[in-house]
Amino acid sequence: LMGAIQGLFLAQFEVLRARGHSPSEAFNETVEEATQSLYPLIGQNGMDWMYSNCSTTAQRGALDWYKPFRDAAKPVFEKLESEMWMAGKEVRKLRPERNK
């Protein structure tokens, strides 16, 4: 997840900078908004609460944009999981109970 979070932060920051936002504005909209506002509220209350307690614009954005984000990220996670399970298959062969 660390790579996903860092990648999302950097992508948003770079787009905002390219569109004329100052470094501090881009950082605030990217990192501060997530770490100081969204993530703590999600952790405390869950996503259902977030949906029902955010603006109509934010609700619309969530509904319109979650699928493109999911579709972009899913192949990356599938590749990571595939590598993990392939490595696991080899590691499990080395378990003592398999060598009896």
PDB file of N, CA and C in Angstrom:
ATOM      1  N   LEU A   1       0.809  -1.209   0.000  1.00  0.00           N
ATOM      2  CA  LEU A   1       0.000   0.000   0.000  1.00  0.00           C
ATOM      3  C   LEU A   1       0.849   1.268   0.000  1.00  0.00           C
ATOM      4  N   MET A   2       2.056   1.187   0.568  1.00  0.00           N
ATOM      5  CA  MET A   2       2.899   2.381   0.620  1.00  0.00           C
ATOM      6  C   MET A   2       3.187   2.911  -0.784  1.00  0.00           C
ATOM      7  N   GLY A   3       3.477   2.007  -1.711  1.00  0.00           N
ATOM      8  CA  GLY A   3       3.736   2.443  -3.087  1.00  0.00           C
ATOM      9  C   GLY A   3       2.508   3.061  -3.720  1.00  0.00           C
ATOM     10  N   ALA A   4       1.340   2.493  -3.443  1.00  0.00           N
ATOM     11  CA  ALA A   4       0.101   3.039  -3.994  1.00  0.00           C
ATOM     12  C   ALA A   4      -0.167   4.434  -3.452  1.00  0.00           C
ATOM     13  N   ILE A   5       0.006   4.598  -2.145  1.00  0.00           N
ATOM     14  CA  ILE A   5      -0.230   5.905  -1.533  1.00  0.00           C
ATOM     15  C   ILE A   5       0.758   6.933  -2.074  1.00  0.00           C
ATOM     16  N   GLN A   6       2.038   6.555  -2.097  1.00  0.00           N
ATOM     17  CA  GLN A   6       3.048   7.488  -2.601  1.00  0.00           C
ATOM     18  C   GLN A   6       2.793   7.823  -4.065  1.00  0.00           C
ATOM     19  N   GLY A   7       2.427   6.823  -4.863  1.00  0.00           N
ATOM     20  CA  GLY A   7       2.151   7.063  -6.281  1.00  0.00           C
ATOM     21  C   GLY A   7       0.968   7.994  -6.498  1.00  0.00           C
ATOM     22  N   LEU A   8      -0.098   7.799  -5.733  1.00  0.00           N
ATOM     23  CA  LEU A   8      -1.265   8.679  -5.845  1.00  0.00           C
ATOM     24  C   LEU A   8      -0.928  10.106  -5.421  1.00  0.00           C
ATOM     25  N   PHE A   9      -0.221  10.219  -4.297  1.00  0.00           N
ATOM     26  CA  PHE A   9       0.171  11.551  -3.831  1.00  0.00           C
ATOM     27  C   PHE A   9       1.004  12.267  -4.892  1.00  0.00           C
ATOM     28  N   LEU A  10       2.017  11.580  -5.413  1.00  0.00           N
ATOM     29  CA  LEU A  10       2.909  12.210  -6.377  1.00  0.00           C
ATOM     30  C   LEU A  10       2.179  12.576  -7.666  1.00  0.00           C
ATOM     31  N   ALA A  11       1.314  11.704  -8.141  1.00  0.00           N
ATOM     32  CA  ALA A  11       0.558  11.997  -9.363  1.00  0.00           C
ATOM     33  C   ALA A  11      -0.312  13.244  -9.182  1.00  0.00           C
ATOM     34  N   GLN A  12      -1.038  13.304  -8.076  1.00  0.00           N
ATOM     35  CA  GLN A  12      -1.899  14.464  -7.841  1.00  0.00           C
ATOM     36  C   GLN A  12      -1.071  15.733  -7.679  1.00  0.00           C
ATOM     37  N   PHE A  13       0.011  15.646  -6.900  1.00  0.00           N
ATOM     38  CA  PHE A  13       0.873  16.803  -6.687  1.00  0.00           C
ATOM     39  C   PHE A  13       1.423  17.316  -8.014  1.00  0.00           C
ATOM     40  N   GLU A  14       1.926  16.416  -8.855  1.00  0.00           N
ATOM     41  CA  GLU A  14       2.504  16.811 -10.140  1.00  0.00           C
ATOM     42  C   GLU A  14       1.467  17.442 -11.067  1.00  0.00           C
ATOM     43  N   VAL A  15       0.263  16.902 -11.079  1.00  0.00           N
ATOM     44  CA  VAL A  15      -0.803  17.484 -11.922  1.00  0.00           C
ATOM     45  C   VAL A  15      -1.162  18.881 -11.422  1.00  0.00           C
ATOM     46  N   LEU A  16      -1.313  19.028 -10.114  1.00  0.00           N
ATOM     47  CA  LEU A  16      -1.645  20.354  -9.578  1.00  0.00           C
ATOM     48  C   LEU A  16      -0.537  21.364  -9.862  1.00  0.00           C
ATOM     49  N   ARG A  17       0.717  20.949  -9.720  1.00  0.00           N
ATOM     50  CA  ARG A  17       1.836  21.859 -10.014  1.00  0.00           C
ATOM     51  C   ARG A  17       1.839  22.244 -11.489  1.00  0.00           C
ATOM     52  N   ALA A  18       1.598  21.281 -12.367  1.00  0.00           N
ATOM     53  CA  ALA A  18       1.571  21.548 -13.805  1.00  0.00           C
ATOM     54  C   ALA A  18       0.437  22.495 -14.182  1.00  0.00           C
ATOM     55  N   ARG A  19      -0.592  22.520 -13.359  1.00  0.00           N
ATOM     56  CA  ARG A  19      -1.739  23.402 -13.614  1.00  0.00           C
ATOM     57  C   ARG A  19      -1.639  24.726 -12.880  1.00  0.00           C
ATOM     58  N   GLY A  20      -0.462  25.024 -12.347  1.00  0.00           N
ATOM     59  CA  GLY A  20      -0.211  26.343 -11.796  1.00  0.00           C
ATOM     60  C   GLY A  20      -0.335  26.513 -10.303  1.00  0.00           C
ATOM     61  N   HIS A  21      -0.630  25.459  -9.574  1.00  0.00           N
ATOM     62  CA  HIS A  21      -0.710  25.580  -8.120  1.00  0.00           C
ATOM     63  C   HIS A  21       0.694  25.691  -7.535  1.00  0.00           C
ATOM     64  N   SER A  22       0.821  26.441  -6.465  1.00  0.00           N
ATOM     65  CA  SER A  22       2.111  26.559  -5.780  1.00  0.00           C
ATOM     66  C   SER A  22       2.433  25.226  -5.112  1.00  0.00           C
ATOM     67  N   PRO A  23       3.703  25.010  -4.758  1.00  0.00           N
ATOM     68  CA  PRO A  23       4.041  23.769  -4.054  1.00  0.00           C
ATOM     69  C   PRO A  23       3.243  23.584  -2.767  1.00  0.00           C
ATOM     70  N   SER A  24       3.051  24.661  -2.005  1.00  0.00           N
ATOM     71  CA  SER A  24       2.310  24.510  -0.751  1.00  0.00           C
ATOM     72  C   SER A  24       0.833  24.219  -1.005  1.00  0.00           C
ATOM     73  N   GLU A  25       0.243  24.831  -2.014  1.00  0.00           N
ATOM     74  CA  GLU A  25      -1.154  24.527  -2.353  1.00  0.00           C
ATOM     75  C   GLU A  25      -1.291  23.072  -2.783  1.00  0.00           C
ATOM     76  N   ALA A  26      -0.392  22.632  -3.645  1.00  0.00           N
ATOM     77  CA  ALA A  26      -0.450  21.250  -4.139  1.00  0.00           C
ATOM     78  C   ALA A  26      -0.259  20.252  -2.993  1.00  0.00           C
ATOM     79  N   PHE A  27       0.675  20.548  -2.088  1.00  0.00           N
ATOM     80  CA  PHE A  27       0.906  19.665  -0.941  1.00  0.00           C
ATOM     81  C   PHE A  27      -0.326  19.633  -0.041  1.00  0.00           C
ATOM     82  N   ASN A  28      -0.902  20.798   0.206  1.00  0.00           N
ATOM     83  CA  ASN A  28      -2.084  20.865   1.065  1.00  0.00           C
ATOM     84  C   ASN A  28      -3.236  20.057   0.474  1.00  0.00           C
ATOM     85  N   GLU A  29      -3.482  20.225  -0.808  1.00  0.00           N
ATOM     86  CA  GLU A  29      -4.587  19.518  -1.458  1.00  0.00           C
ATOM     87  C   GLU A  29      -4.328  18.023  -1.582  1.00  0.00           C
ATOM     88  N   THR A  30      -3.073  17.633  -1.560  1.00  0.00           N
ATOM     89  CA  THR A  30      -2.702  16.236  -1.746  1.00  0.00           C
ATOM     90  C   THR A  30      -2.500  15.524  -0.417  1.00  0.00           C
ATOM     91  N   VAL A  31      -1.461  15.887   0.297  1.00  0.00           N
ATOM     92  CA  VAL A  31      -1.067  15.152   1.499  1.00  0.00           C
ATOM     93  C   VAL A  31      -1.867  15.583   2.730  1.00  0.00           C
ATOM     94  N   GLU A  32      -1.948  16.876   2.957  1.00  0.00           N
ATOM     95  CA  GLU A  32      -2.640  17.353   4.161  1.00  0.00           C
ATOM     96  C   GLU A  32      -4.114  16.953   4.161  1.00  0.00           C
ATOM     97  N   GLU A  33      -4.769  17.102   3.023  1.00  0.00           N
ATOM     98  CA  GLU A  33      -6.187  16.745   2.939  1.00  0.00           C
ATOM     99  C   GLU A  33      -6.405  15.276   3.281  1.00  0.00           C
ATOM    100  N   ALA A  34      -5.534  14.422   2.767  1.00  0.00           N
ATOM    101  CA  ALA A  34      -5.677  12.987   3.020  1.00  0.00           C
ATOM    102  C   ALA A  34      -5.314  12.623   4.455  1.00  0.00           C
ATOM    103  N   THR A  35      -4.123  13.042   4.893  1.00  0.00           N
ATOM    104  CA  THR A  35      -3.632  12.570   6.185  1.00  0.00           C
ATOM    105  C   THR A  35      -4.256  13.265   7.381  1.00  0.00           C
ATOM    106  N   GLN A  36      -4.665  14.507   7.215  1.00  0.00           N
ATOM    107  CA  GLN A  36      -5.196  15.251   8.354  1.00  0.00           C
ATOM    108  C   GLN A  36      -6.724  15.294   8.383  1.00  0.00           C
ATOM    109  N   SER A  37      -7.347  14.941   7.283  1.00  0.00           N
ATOM    110  CA  SER A  37      -8.801  15.022   7.226  1.00  0.00           C
ATOM    111  C   SER A  37      -9.430  13.682   6.846  1.00  0.00           C
ATOM    112  N   LEU A  38      -9.184  13.233   5.621  1.00  0.00           N
ATOM    113  CA  LEU A  38      -9.895  12.056   5.119  1.00  0.00           C
ATOM    114  C   LEU A  38      -9.547  10.757   5.839  1.00  0.00           C
ATOM    115  N   TYR A  39      -8.267  10.407   5.904  1.00  0.00           N
ATOM    116  CA  TYR A  39      -7.885   9.116   6.483  1.00  0.00           C
ATOM    117  C   TYR A  39      -8.324   8.957   7.938  1.00  0.00           C
ATOM    118  N   PRO A  40      -8.109   9.969   8.788  1.00  0.00           N
ATOM    119  CA  PRO A  40      -8.579   9.801  10.171  1.00  0.00           C
ATOM    120  C   PRO A  40     -10.090   9.589  10.267  1.00  0.00           C
ATOM    121  N   LEU A  41     -10.850  10.316   9.458  1.00  0.00           N
ATOM    122  CA  LEU A  41     -12.306  10.157   9.490  1.00  0.00           C
ATOM    123  C   LEU A  41     -12.735   8.795   8.979  1.00  0.00           C
ATOM    124  N   ILE A  42     -12.074   8.323   7.921  1.00  0.00           N
ATOM    125  CA  ILE A  42     -12.384   6.988   7.413  1.00  0.00           C
ATOM    126  C   ILE A  42     -12.046   5.942   8.468  1.00  0.00           C
ATOM    127  N   GLY A  43     -10.890   6.100   9.117  1.00  0.00           N
ATOM    128  CA  GLY A  43     -10.486   5.161  10.151  1.00  0.00           C
ATOM    129  C   GLY A  43     -11.446   5.130  11.327  1.00  0.00           C
ATOM    130  N   GLN A  44     -11.933   6.276  11.709  1.00  0.00           N
ATOM    131  CA  GLN A  44     -12.835   6.357  12.864  1.00  0.00           C
ATOM    132  C   GLN A  44     -14.258   5.937  12.537  1.00  0.00           C
ATOM    133  N   ASN A  45     -14.709   6.269  11.321  1.00  0.00           N
ATOM    134  CA  ASN A  45     -16.135   6.139  11.021  1.00  0.00           C
ATOM    135  C   ASN A  45     -16.498   5.249   9.840  1.00  0.00           C
ATOM    136  N   GLY A  46     -15.535   4.915   8.981  1.00  0.00           N
ATOM    137  CA  GLY A  46     -15.810   4.072   7.820  1.00  0.00           C
ATOM    138  C   GLY A  46     -16.228   4.864   6.591  1.00  0.00           C
ATOM    139  N   MET A  47     -16.207   4.185   5.449  1.00  0.00           N
ATOM    140  CA  MET A  47     -16.530   4.837   4.175  1.00  0.00           C
ATOM    141  C   MET A  47     -18.011   5.198   4.054  1.00  0.00           C
ATOM    142  N   ASP A  48     -18.884   4.371   4.595  1.00  0.00           N
ATOM    143  CA  ASP A  48     -20.312   4.706   4.518  1.00  0.00           C
ATOM    144  C   ASP A  48     -20.584   6.041   5.197  1.00  0.00           C
ATOM    145  N   TRP A  49     -19.958   6.247   6.357  1.00  0.00           N
ATOM    146  CA  TRP A  49     -20.122   7.515   7.063  1.00  0.00           C
ATOM    147  C   TRP A  49     -19.565   8.660   6.225  1.00  0.00           C
ATOM    148  N   MET A  50     -18.410   8.426   5.592  1.00  0.00           N
ATOM    149  CA  MET A  50     -17.811   9.479   4.761  1.00  0.00           C
ATOM    150  C   MET A  50     -18.762   9.898   3.645  1.00  0.00           C
ATOM    151  N   TYR A  51     -19.331   8.917   2.963  1.00  0.00           N
ATOM    152  CA  TYR A  51     -20.268   9.236   1.882  1.00  0.00           C
ATOM    153  C   TYR A  51     -21.430  10.082   2.381  1.00  0.00           C
ATOM    154  N   SER A  52     -21.983   9.701   3.507  1.00  0.00           N
ATOM    155  CA  SER A  52     -23.174  10.410   3.981  1.00  0.00           C
ATOM    156  C   SER A  52     -22.856  11.752   4.638  1.00  0.00           C
ATOM    157  N   ASN A  53     -21.592  12.017   4.926  1.00  0.00           N
ATOM    158  CA  ASN A  53     -21.229  13.261   5.600  1.00  0.00           C
ATOM    159  C   ASN A  53     -20.334  14.179   4.782  1.00  0.00           C
ATOM    160  N   CYS A  54     -20.227  13.931   3.499  1.00  0.00           N
ATOM    161  CA  CYS A  54     -19.457  14.847   2.655  1.00  0.00           C
ATOM    162  C   CYS A  54     -20.407  15.557   1.700  1.00  0.00           C
ATOM    163  N   SER A  55     -19.884  16.522   1.010  1.00  0.00           N
ATOM    164  CA  SER A  55     -20.712  17.323   0.108  1.00  0.00           C
ATOM    165  C   SER A  55     -21.239  16.478  -1.044  1.00  0.00           C
ATOM    166  N   THR A  56     -22.283  16.963  -1.667  1.00  0.00           N
ATOM    167  CA  THR A  56     -22.830  16.294  -2.844  1.00  0.00           C
ATOM    168  C   THR A  56     -21.778  16.212  -3.943  1.00  0.00           C
ATOM    169  N   THR A  57     -20.960  17.248  -4.070  1.00  0.00           N
ATOM    170  CA  THR A  57     -19.884  17.248  -5.066  1.00  0.00           C
ATOM    171  C   THR A  57     -18.882  16.133  -4.778  1.00  0.00           C
ATOM    172  N   ALA A  58     -18.509  15.965  -3.509  1.00  0.00           N
ATOM    173  CA  ALA A  58     -17.569  14.902  -3.142  1.00  0.00           C
ATOM    174  C   ALA A  58     -18.207  13.521  -3.337  1.00  0.00           C
ATOM    175  N   GLN A  59     -19.479  13.391  -3.011  1.00  0.00           N
ATOM    176  CA  GLN A  59     -20.167  12.124  -3.237  1.00  0.00           C
ATOM    177  C   GLN A  59     -20.181  11.781  -4.724  1.00  0.00           C
ATOM    178  N   ARG A  60     -20.502  12.769  -5.551  1.00  0.00           N
ATOM    179  CA  ARG A  60     -20.537  12.568  -6.997  1.00  0.00           C
ATOM    180  C   ARG A  60     -19.153  12.183  -7.518  1.00  0.00           C
ATOM    181  N   GLY A  61     -18.127  12.869  -7.004  1.00  0.00           N
ATOM    182  CA  GLY A  61     -16.762  12.552  -7.406  1.00  0.00           C
ATOM    183  C   GLY A  61     -16.376  11.129  -7.041  1.00  0.00           C
ATOM    184  N   ALA A  62     -16.775  10.699  -5.856  1.00  0.00           N
ATOM    185  CA  ALA A  62     -16.466   9.332  -5.434  1.00  0.00           C
ATOM    186  C   ALA A  62     -17.151   8.321  -6.339  1.00  0.00           C
ATOM    187  N   LEU A  63     -18.404   8.563  -6.641  1.00  0.00           N
ATOM    188  CA  LEU A  63     -19.145   7.632  -7.493  1.00  0.00           C
ATOM    189  C   LEU A  63     -18.638   7.630  -8.927  1.00  0.00           C
ATOM    190  N   ASP A  64     -18.236   8.791  -9.428  1.00  0.00           N
ATOM    191  CA  ASP A  64     -17.762   8.888 -10.813  1.00  0.00           C
ATOM    192  C   ASP A  64     -16.333   8.382 -10.996  1.00  0.00           C
ATOM    193  N   TRP A  65     -15.505   8.494  -9.968  1.00  0.00           N
ATOM    194  CA  TRP A  65     -14.075   8.258 -10.150  1.00  0.00           C
ATOM    195  C   TRP A  65     -13.529   7.001  -9.499  1.00  0.00           C
ATOM    196  N   TYR A  66     -14.307   6.321  -8.638  1.00  0.00           N
ATOM    197  CA  TYR A  66     -13.711   5.149  -7.995  1.00  0.00           C
ATOM    198  C   TYR A  66     -13.398   4.048  -9.003  1.00  0.00           C
ATOM    199  N   LYS A  67     -14.236   3.865 -10.020  1.00  0.00           N
ATOM    200  CA  LYS A  67     -13.987   2.799 -10.997  1.00  0.00           C
ATOM    201  C   LYS A  67     -12.723   3.046 -11.816  1.00  0.00           C
ATOM    202  N   PRO A  68     -12.487   4.260 -12.346  1.00  0.00           N
ATOM    203  CA  PRO A  68     -11.216   4.464 -13.062  1.00  0.00           C
ATOM    204  C   PRO A  68      -9.993   4.252 -12.170  1.00  0.00           C
ATOM    205  N   PHE A  69     -10.064   4.680 -10.906  1.00  0.00           N
ATOM    206  CA  PHE A  69      -8.945   4.439  -9.992  1.00  0.00           C
ATOM    207  C   PHE A  69      -8.773   2.950  -9.725  1.00  0.00           C
ATOM    208  N   ARG A  70      -9.869   2.252  -9.479  1.00  0.00           N
ATOM    209  CA  ARG A  70      -9.807   0.807  -9.255  1.00  0.00           C
ATOM    210  C   ARG A  70      -9.240   0.097 -10.473  1.00  0.00           C
ATOM    211  N   ASP A  71      -9.737   0.471 -11.656  1.00  0.00           N
ATOM    212  CA  ASP A  71      -9.293  -0.190 -12.878  1.00  0.00           C
ATOM    213  C   ASP A  71      -7.814   0.072 -13.178  1.00  0.00           C
ATOM    214  N   ALA A  72      -7.325   1.260 -12.805  1.00  0.00           N
ATOM    215  CA  ALA A  72      -5.909   1.561 -13.010  1.00  0.00           C
ATOM    216  C   ALA A  72      -5.033   0.821 -12.001  1.00  0.00           C
ATOM    217  N   ALA A  73      -5.500   0.682 -10.777  1.00  0.00           N
ATOM    218  CA  ALA A  73      -4.689   0.082  -9.720  1.00  0.00           C
ATOM    219  C   ALA A  73      -4.762  -1.446  -9.699  1.00  0.00           C
ATOM    220  N   LYS A  74      -5.876  -2.006 -10.101  1.00  0.00           N
ATOM    221  CA  LYS A  74      -6.073  -3.448  -9.979  1.00  0.00           C
ATOM    222  C   LYS A  74      -4.999  -4.262 -10.712  1.00  0.00           C
ATOM    223  N   PRO A  75      -4.635  -3.933 -11.945  1.00  0.00           N
ATOM    224  CA  PRO A  75      -3.573  -4.715 -12.602  1.00  0.00           C
ATOM    225  C   PRO A  75      -2.240  -4.665 -11.857  1.00  0.00           C
ATOM    226  N   VAL A  76      -1.946  -3.554 -11.219  1.00  0.00           N
ATOM    227  CA  VAL A  76      -0.706  -3.453 -10.448  1.00  0.00           C
ATOM    228  C   VAL A  76      -0.763  -4.409  -9.257  1.00  0.00           C
ATOM    229  N   PHE A  77      -1.888  -4.408  -8.533  1.00  0.00           N
ATOM    230  CA  PHE A  77      -2.020  -5.302  -7.389  1.00  0.00           C
ATOM    231  C   PHE A  77      -2.043  -6.765  -7.820  1.00  0.00           C
ATOM    232  N   GLU A  78      -2.669  -7.052  -8.969  1.00  0.00           N
ATOM    233  CA  GLU A  78      -2.676  -8.434  -9.454  1.00  0.00           C
ATOM    234  C   GLU A  78      -1.265  -8.888  -9.785  1.00  0.00           C
ATOM    235  N   LYS A  79      -0.478  -8.021 -10.380  1.00  0.00           N
ATOM    236  CA  LYS A  79       0.916  -8.364 -10.699  1.00  0.00           C
ATOM    237  C   LYS A  79       1.697  -8.614  -9.410  1.00  0.00           C
ATOM    238  N   LEU A  80       1.502  -7.752  -8.411  1.00  0.00           N
ATOM    239  CA  LEU A  80       2.204  -7.928  -7.137  1.00  0.00           C
ATOM    240  C   LEU A  80       1.791  -9.226  -6.472  1.00  0.00           C
ATOM    241  N   GLU A  81       0.500  -9.475  -6.474  1.00  0.00           N
ATOM    242  CA  GLU A  81       0.022 -10.717  -5.841  1.00  0.00           C
ATOM    243  C   GLU A  81       0.528 -11.926  -6.607  1.00  0.00           C
ATOM    244  N   SER A  82       0.552 -11.846  -7.906  1.00  0.00           N
ATOM    245  CA  SER A  82       1.032 -12.988  -8.673  1.00  0.00           C
ATOM    246  C   SER A  82       2.469 -13.301  -8.301  1.00  0.00           C
ATOM    247  N   GLU A  83       3.307 -12.290  -8.228  1.00  0.00           N
ATOM    248  CA  GLU A  83       4.696 -12.486  -7.852  1.00  0.00           C
ATOM    249  C   GLU A  83       4.786 -13.070  -6.440  1.00  0.00           C
ATOM    250  N   MET A  84       3.957 -12.544  -5.547  1.00  0.00           N
ATOM    251  CA  MET A  84       3.979 -13.019  -4.166  1.00  0.00           C
ATOM    252  C   MET A  84       3.616 -14.500  -4.107  1.00  0.00           C
ATOM    253  N   TRP A  85       2.562 -14.900  -4.809  1.00  0.00           N
ATOM    254  CA  TRP A  85       2.130 -16.290  -4.730  1.00  0.00           C
ATOM    255  C   TRP A  85       3.099 -17.218  -5.443  1.00  0.00           C
ATOM    256  N   MET A  86       3.749 -16.751  -6.485  1.00  0.00           N
ATOM    257  CA  MET A  86       4.768 -17.568  -7.136  1.00  0.00           C
ATOM    258  C   MET A  86       5.946 -17.784  -6.192  1.00  0.00           C
ATOM    259  N   ALA A  87       6.344 -16.719  -5.497  1.00  0.00           N
ATOM    260  CA  ALA A  87       7.427 -16.850  -4.517  1.00  0.00           C
ATOM    261  C   ALA A  87       6.993 -17.771  -3.385  1.00  0.00           C
ATOM    262  N   GLY A  88       5.761 -17.641  -2.947  1.00  0.00           N
ATOM    263  CA  GLY A  88       5.238 -18.490  -1.881  1.00  0.00           C
ATOM    264  C   GLY A  88       5.265 -19.962  -2.255  1.00  0.00           C
ATOM    265  N   LYS A  89       4.959 -20.270  -3.501  1.00  0.00           N
ATOM    266  CA  LYS A  89       4.993 -21.663  -3.960  1.00  0.00           C
ATOM    267  C   LYS A  89       6.397 -22.239  -3.803  1.00  0.00           C
ATOM    268  N   GLU A  90       7.402 -21.458  -4.147  1.00  0.00           N
ATOM    269  CA  GLU A  90       8.789 -21.912  -4.004  1.00  0.00           C
ATOM    270  C   GLU A  90       9.206 -22.007  -2.545  1.00  0.00           C
ATOM    271  N   VAL A  91       8.803 -21.032  -1.746  1.00  0.00           N
ATOM    272  CA  VAL A  91       9.169 -21.032  -0.327  1.00  0.00           C
ATOM    273  C   VAL A  91       8.516 -22.214   0.393  1.00  0.00           C
ATOM    274  N   ARG A  92       7.267 -22.495   0.086  1.00  0.00           N
ATOM    275  CA  ARG A  92       6.573 -23.605   0.745  1.00  0.00           C
ATOM    276  C   ARG A  92       7.249 -24.941   0.452  1.00  0.00           C
ATOM    277  N   LYS A  93       7.899 -25.062  -0.701  1.00  0.00           N
ATOM    278  CA  LYS A  93       8.631 -26.289  -1.021  1.00  0.00           C
ATOM    279  C   LYS A  93       9.778 -26.530  -0.040  1.00  0.00           C
ATOM    280  N   LEU A  94      10.255 -25.473   0.582  1.00  0.00           N
ATOM    281  CA  LEU A  94      11.384 -25.578   1.499  1.00  0.00           C
ATOM    282  C   LEU A  94      10.979 -25.876   2.940  1.00  0.00           C
ATOM    283  N   ARG A  95       9.712 -25.939   3.221  1.00  0.00           N
ATOM    284  CA  ARG A  95       9.251 -26.199   4.573  1.00  0.00           C
ATOM    285  C   ARG A  95       9.691 -27.587   5.036  1.00  0.00           C
ATOM    286  N   PRO A  96      10.052 -27.683   6.319  1.00  0.00           N
ATOM    287  CA  PRO A  96      10.544 -28.980   6.837  1.00  0.00           C
ATOM    288  C   PRO A  96       9.559 -30.133   6.634  1.00  0.00           C
ATOM    289  N   GLU A  97       8.269 -29.881   6.815  1.00  0.00           N
ATOM    290  CA  GLU A  97       7.287 -30.968   6.666  1.00  0.00           C
ATOM    291  C   GLU A  97       7.218 -31.510   5.249  1.00  0.00           C
ATOM    292  N   ARG A  98       7.682 -30.714   4.277  1.00  0.00           N
ATOM    293  CA  ARG A  98       7.674 -31.181   2.881  1.00  0.00           C
ATOM    294  C   ARG A  98       8.883 -32.056   2.571  1.00  0.00           C
ATOM    295  N   ASN A  99       9.886 -31.999   3.413  1.00  0.00           N
ATOM    296  CA  ASN A  99      11.126 -32.722   3.146  1.00  0.00           C
ATOM    297  C   ASN A  99      11.247 -34.007   3.943  1.00  0.00           C
ATOM    298  N   LYS A 100      10.155 -34.492   4.469  1.00  0.00           N
ATOM    299  CA  LYS A 100      10.187 -35.727   5.272  1.00  0.00           C
ATOM    300  C   LYS A 100      10.081 -36.950   4.396  1.00  0.00           C
TER     301      LYS A 100
END
